[in-house]
């Protein structure tokens, strides 16, 4: 009986020794793997740090490049302005309201014919319009512009739609809008509401004529007031459209066919 017990104990000791040895081996292996993972993580952290540094460098280079592109774009527009003489009316007077109808479908051709809503005029004409707007503001009004410079190709679209020289000029002869010296305008009050006038914009009927006798007293008064401040500022009017005014020096400028979108800076 004692021999059996001793044998059992010896076997147990042997097995236990093997387990301990196996456990030590596994622990050493695990430590080796942990060390390898730590080294790998350290390398990943280094790479991440390098990537962040590279990203910052790329962002800085991209910012520098964008500034260069924006400068080139502004120089392009400045050169175009120098060649054509056309300026953005909002750069001359940002209190003038701009509602460029031909950049919408709310017009007599019922489609958008301007790619962008930017109102351009010859600089001297724009300064005259600013003067008229200053006069209007003294009485609590502001000028709203429906149209300014108009490329010749747009005039061709209008003529094809409405070949009536009382309201639309023949593009072969050109119009003062094509020179950038004419505006189609009305007046708004301090809240931006349009004053009553003989008709709406581009109503091609005798009701839009200046000598039409059927105007309300209010519409007649407002039309005459608008005419007064525009004439005092260097504009003349035409008989068939109460909203149309042209610079008295219109013949000093050539007809042009530069698209409006060329005056808008590109975004990058």
Protein backbone atom coordinates (compact mmCIF):
# COMPACT_ATOMS: atom_id res chain seq x y z
CA UNK A 1 0.00 0.00 0.00
CA UNK A 2 2.83 2.35 0.86
CA UNK A 3 4.51 1.61 -2.48
CA UNK A 4 1.37 2.55 -4.36
CA UNK A 5 1.09 5.82 -2.52
CA UNK A 6 4.71 6.72 -3.16
CA UNK A 7 4.30 5.90 -6.83
CA UNK A 8 1.18 8.03 -7.03
CA UNK A 9 2.97 10.90 -5.35
CA UNK A 10 5.95 10.61 -7.66
CA UNK A 11 3.67 10.61 -10.69
CA UNK A 12 1.81 13.66 -9.40
CA UNK A 13 5.10 15.47 -8.81
CA UNK A 14 6.23 14.62 -12.33
CA UNK A 15 3.04 15.83 -13.92
CA UNK A 16 3.03 19.00 -11.86
CA UNK A 17 6.59 19.69 -12.86
CA UNK A 18 5.63 19.33 -16.53
CA UNK A 19 2.69 21.71 -16.12
CA UNK A 20 4.86 24.30 -14.41
CA UNK A 21 7.45 23.96 -17.14
CA UNK A 22 4.74 24.24 -19.81
CA UNK A 23 3.23 27.27 -18.09
CA UNK A 24 6.63 28.99 -17.92
CA UNK A 25 7.16 28.33 -21.61
CA UNK A 26 3.76 29.79 -22.50
CA UNK A 27 4.39 32.81 -20.28
CA UNK A 28 7.72 33.44 -21.96
CA UNK A 29 6.08 33.11 -25.35
CA UNK A 30 3.32 35.53 -24.31
CA UNK A 31 5.88 38.02 -23.04
CA UNK A 32 7.71 37.78 -26.36
CA UNK A 33 4.47 38.45 -28.28
CA UNK A 34 3.58 41.39 -26.02
CA UNK A 35 7.02 42.88 -26.56
CA UNK A 36 6.64 42.45 -30.31
CA UNK A 37 3.20 44.11 -30.21
CA UNK A 38 4.55 47.00 -28.16
CA UNK A 39 7.32 47.51 -30.68
CA UNK A 40 4.78 47.34 -33.52
CA UNK A 41 2.55 49.88 -31.77
CA UNK A 42 5.54 52.13 -31.27
CA UNK A 43 6.26 51.97 -35.00
CA UNK A 44 2.59 52.72 -35.76
CA UNK A 45 2.69 55.74 -33.45
CA UNK A 46 5.80 56.98 -35.21
CA UNK A 47 4.15 56.55 -38.61
CA UNK A 48 1.01 58.31 -37.35
CA UNK A 49 3.13 61.19 -36.10
CA UNK A 50 4.89 61.41 -39.45
CA UNK A 51 1.54 61.37 -41.26
CA UNK A 52 0.23 64.20 -39.10
CA UNK A 53 3.34 66.19 -39.86
CA UNK A 54 2.97 65.44 -43.58
CA UNK A 55 -0.72 66.44 -43.46
CA UNK A 56 0.10 69.76 -41.83
CA UNK A 57 2.73 70.37 -44.49
CA UNK A 58 0.25 69.48 -47.25
CA UNK A 59 -2.42 71.73 -45.73
CA UNK A 60 0.03 74.61 -45.63
CA UNK A 61 1.11 73.98 -49.22
CA UNK A 62 -2.56 73.73 -50.28
CA UNK A 63 -3.37 77.01 -48.52
CA UNK A 64 -0.46 78.71 -50.26
CA UNK A 65 -1.58 77.32 -53.61
CA UNK A 66 -5.16 78.49 -53.06
CA UNK A 67 -3.96 82.00 -52.27
CA UNK A 68 -1.91 82.02 -55.48
CA UNK A 69 -4.90 80.82 -57.52
CA UNK A 70 -7.19 83.42 -55.93
CA UNK A 71 -4.63 86.13 -56.68
CA UNK A 72 -4.35 84.99 -60.30
CA UNK A 73 -8.15 84.94 -60.57
CA UNK A 74 -8.46 88.45 -59.15
CA UNK A 75 -5.75 89.69 -61.53
CA UNK A 76 -7.74 88.15 -64.40
CA UNK A 77 -10.89 90.01 -63.37
CA UNK A 78 -8.96 93.25 -62.83
CA UNK A 79 -7.54 92.92 -66.34
CA UNK A 80 -11.00 92.20 -67.77
CA UNK A 81 -12.38 95.24 -65.96
CA UNK A 82 -9.55 97.36 -67.35
CA UNK A 83 -10.26 96.18 -70.90
CA UNK A 84 -14.05 96.47 -70.81
CA UNK A 85 -14.45 99.29 -68.29
CA UNK A 86 -17.27 97.32 -66.65
CA UNK A 87 -17.57 97.22 -62.85
CA UNK A 88 -19.88 95.47 -60.42
CA UNK A 89 -22.44 98.05 -59.24
CA UNK A 90 -22.34 96.49 -55.77
CA UNK A 91 -18.65 97.43 -55.54
CA UNK A 92 -19.62 101.05 -56.16
CA UNK A 93 -22.73 101.19 -53.95
CA UNK A 94 -23.85 98.15 -51.97
CA UNK A 95 -27.06 99.88 -50.86
CA UNK A 96 -28.47 99.62 -54.38
CA UNK A 97 -30.85 96.67 -54.59
CA UNK A 98 -30.03 94.22 -57.40
CA UNK A 99 -32.80 91.97 -58.73
CA UNK A 100 -31.40 90.83 -62.06
CA UNK A 101 -34.52 89.44 -63.72
CA UNK A 102 -32.72 87.88 -66.68
CA UNK A 103 -30.76 85.69 -64.26
CA UNK A 104 -34.13 84.13 -63.38
CA UNK A 105 -37.14 82.83 -65.28
CA UNK A 106 -39.23 85.81 -64.13
CA UNK A 107 -38.92 87.83 -67.36
CA UNK A 108 -40.60 88.25 -70.72
CA UNK A 109 -38.71 85.38 -72.39
CA UNK A 110 -39.63 83.17 -69.41
CA UNK A 111 -36.19 81.60 -69.13
CA UNK A 112 -32.84 82.28 -67.51
CA UNK A 113 -30.53 83.98 -69.99
CA UNK A 114 -27.81 85.26 -67.62
CA UNK A 115 -25.62 82.53 -66.10
CA UNK A 116 -24.97 84.63 -62.97
CA UNK A 117 -26.71 87.46 -61.15
CA UNK A 118 -24.08 90.19 -61.36
CA UNK A 119 -24.99 93.73 -62.40
CA UNK A 120 -22.25 95.44 -64.42
CA UNK A 121 -22.00 99.00 -65.68
CA UNK A 122 -19.33 101.30 -67.04
CA UNK A 123 -17.64 102.84 -64.02
CA UNK A 124 -18.73 106.42 -64.76
CA UNK A 125 -22.29 105.21 -65.33
CA UNK A 126 -22.17 103.31 -62.04
CA UNK A 127 -21.00 106.44 -60.24
CA UNK A 128 -23.90 108.38 -61.74
CA UNK A 129 -26.32 105.70 -60.55
CA UNK A 130 -24.78 105.93 -57.08
CA UNK A 131 -25.46 109.67 -57.13
CA UNK A 132 -29.10 109.03 -58.03
CA UNK A 133 -29.36 106.46 -55.25
CA UNK A 134 -27.90 108.95 -52.77
CA UNK A 135 -30.64 111.40 -53.76
CA UNK A 136 -33.28 108.70 -53.33
CA UNK A 137 -31.96 107.71 -49.89
CA UNK A 138 -32.39 111.28 -48.64
CA UNK A 139 -36.12 110.78 -49.20
CA UNK A 140 -36.25 107.30 -47.69
CA UNK A 141 -36.01 105.31 -50.93
CA UNK A 142 -33.45 103.18 -52.74
CA UNK A 143 -32.94 102.21 -56.36
CA UNK A 144 -33.62 98.64 -57.43
CA UNK A 145 -31.88 97.46 -60.61
CA UNK A 146 -33.54 94.92 -62.90
CA UNK A 147 -30.89 95.05 -65.64
CA UNK A 148 -27.60 96.70 -66.50
CA UNK A 149 -24.93 95.57 -68.94
CA UNK A 150 -26.27 93.01 -71.41
CA UNK A 151 -24.06 90.95 -73.76
CA UNK A 152 -24.93 91.15 -77.45
CA UNK A 153 -25.71 87.44 -77.65
CA UNK A 154 -28.51 87.97 -75.12
CA UNK A 155 -29.87 90.81 -77.26
CA UNK A 156 -30.17 88.31 -80.09
CA UNK A 157 -32.24 86.01 -77.88
CA UNK A 158 -34.55 88.90 -76.97
CA UNK A 159 -34.95 90.00 -80.59
CA UNK A 160 -35.76 86.48 -81.70
CA UNK A 161 -38.46 86.33 -79.03
CA UNK A 162 -39.86 89.86 -79.49
CA UNK A 163 -38.75 91.60 -82.71
CA UNK A 164 -40.49 94.86 -81.76
CA UNK A 165 -38.12 97.87 -81.88
CA UNK A 166 -40.39 99.84 -79.56
CA UNK A 167 -39.26 97.59 -76.72
CA UNK A 168 -36.34 95.47 -77.95
CA UNK A 169 -33.45 96.86 -79.97
CA UNK A 170 -32.28 95.08 -83.11
CA UNK A 171 -29.00 93.35 -82.15
CA UNK A 172 -27.48 94.29 -85.52
CA UNK A 173 -27.73 97.92 -84.35
CA UNK A 174 -26.99 97.20 -80.69
CA UNK A 175 -28.43 98.85 -77.61
CA UNK A 176 -27.15 101.03 -74.80
CA UNK A 177 -27.40 97.98 -72.53
CA UNK A 178 -24.75 96.32 -74.71
CA UNK A 179 -22.44 99.25 -73.97
CA UNK A 180 -22.98 98.94 -70.20
CA UNK A 181 -24.47 102.45 -69.94
CA UNK A 182 -28.17 101.69 -69.44
CA UNK A 183 -30.22 100.50 -66.49
CA UNK A 184 -33.73 99.21 -66.00
CA UNK A 185 -34.76 100.33 -62.53
CA UNK A 186 -37.49 101.14 -60.04
CA UNK A 187 -37.65 102.42 -56.45
CA UNK A 188 -38.17 100.62 -53.14
CA UNK A 189 -39.03 102.01 -49.72
CA UNK A 190 -37.06 101.51 -46.50
CA UNK A 191 -38.57 98.03 -46.10
CA UNK A 192 -37.57 97.01 -49.63
CA UNK A 193 -41.11 97.17 -51.01
CA UNK A 194 -41.40 98.44 -54.57
CA UNK A 195 -43.16 101.76 -55.03
CA UNK A 196 -46.22 101.85 -57.25
CA UNK A 197 -45.26 102.54 -60.86
CA UNK A 198 -47.28 102.59 -64.11
CA UNK A 199 -46.62 98.88 -64.82
CA UNK A 200 -44.46 95.96 -63.84
CA UNK A 201 -41.07 95.40 -65.47
CA UNK A 202 -41.04 94.54 -69.20
CA UNK A 203 -44.76 95.00 -69.73
CA UNK A 204 -44.61 95.74 -73.43
CA UNK A 205 -47.82 97.71 -73.82
CA UNK A 206 -48.75 101.37 -74.14
CA UNK A 207 -49.29 101.41 -70.36
CA UNK A 208 -45.50 101.48 -69.99
CA UNK A 209 -45.19 104.58 -72.18
CA UNK A 210 -44.27 107.80 -70.41
CA UNK A 211 -47.16 109.72 -71.95
CA UNK A 212 -49.78 107.13 -70.99
CA UNK A 213 -52.76 108.95 -69.50
CA UNK A 214 -54.21 106.12 -67.42
CA UNK A 215 -51.70 106.09 -64.57
CA UNK A 216 -52.84 106.47 -60.98
CA UNK A 217 -51.75 109.67 -59.26
CA UNK A 218 -49.35 107.67 -57.07
CA UNK A 219 -47.76 105.84 -60.01
CA UNK A 220 -47.38 109.07 -61.97
CA UNK A 221 -45.81 110.86 -59.00
CA UNK A 222 -43.32 108.05 -58.37
CA UNK A 223 -42.36 107.81 -62.04
CA UNK A 224 -41.76 111.54 -62.23
CA UNK A 225 -39.70 111.49 -59.03
CA UNK A 226 -37.52 108.67 -60.37
CA UNK A 227 -37.08 110.53 -63.66
CA UNK A 228 -36.09 113.69 -61.81
CA UNK A 229 -33.30 112.14 -59.75
CA UNK A 230 -31.99 110.17 -62.73
CA UNK A 231 -31.87 113.25 -64.97
CA UNK A 232 -30.13 115.21 -62.21
CA UNK A 233 -27.53 112.43 -62.08
CA UNK A 234 -26.70 112.38 -65.80
CA UNK A 235 -29.24 110.01 -67.35
CA UNK A 236 -31.87 110.40 -70.05
CA UNK A 237 -35.05 108.39 -70.55
CA UNK A 238 -36.93 106.86 -73.50
CA UNK A 239 -40.60 107.23 -74.37
CA UNK A 240 -41.78 103.60 -74.41
CA UNK A 241 -40.35 102.20 -71.16
CA UNK A 242 -40.69 104.17 -67.93
CA UNK A 243 -38.04 101.94 -66.24
CA UNK A 244 -35.27 102.50 -68.81
CA UNK A 245 -32.52 105.11 -68.33
CA UNK A 246 -29.27 105.60 -70.20
CA UNK A 247 -26.12 107.53 -69.54
CA UNK A 248 -26.08 110.77 -71.55
CA UNK A 249 -22.51 109.89 -72.55
CA UNK A 250 -23.52 106.51 -73.99
CA UNK A 251 -21.79 107.04 -77.34
CA UNK A 252 -18.42 107.16 -75.60
CA UNK A 253 -18.52 103.40 -75.07
CA UNK A 254 -18.40 100.43 -77.49
CA UNK A 255 -20.84 97.53 -77.82
CA UNK A 256 -19.59 94.44 -75.98
CA UNK A 257 -20.31 90.74 -75.92
CA UNK A 258 -18.43 89.52 -72.84
CA UNK A 259 -20.37 86.98 -70.78
CA UNK A 260 -21.27 87.99 -67.23
CA UNK A 261 -19.81 84.85 -65.67
CA UNK A 262 -16.29 85.93 -66.69
CA UNK A 263 -16.55 88.69 -64.06
CA UNK A 264 -17.24 86.26 -61.22
CA UNK A 265 -14.17 84.80 -59.44
CA UNK A 266 -13.84 81.04 -59.72
CA UNK A 267 -13.93 79.08 -56.49
CA UNK A 268 -11.28 76.49 -55.78
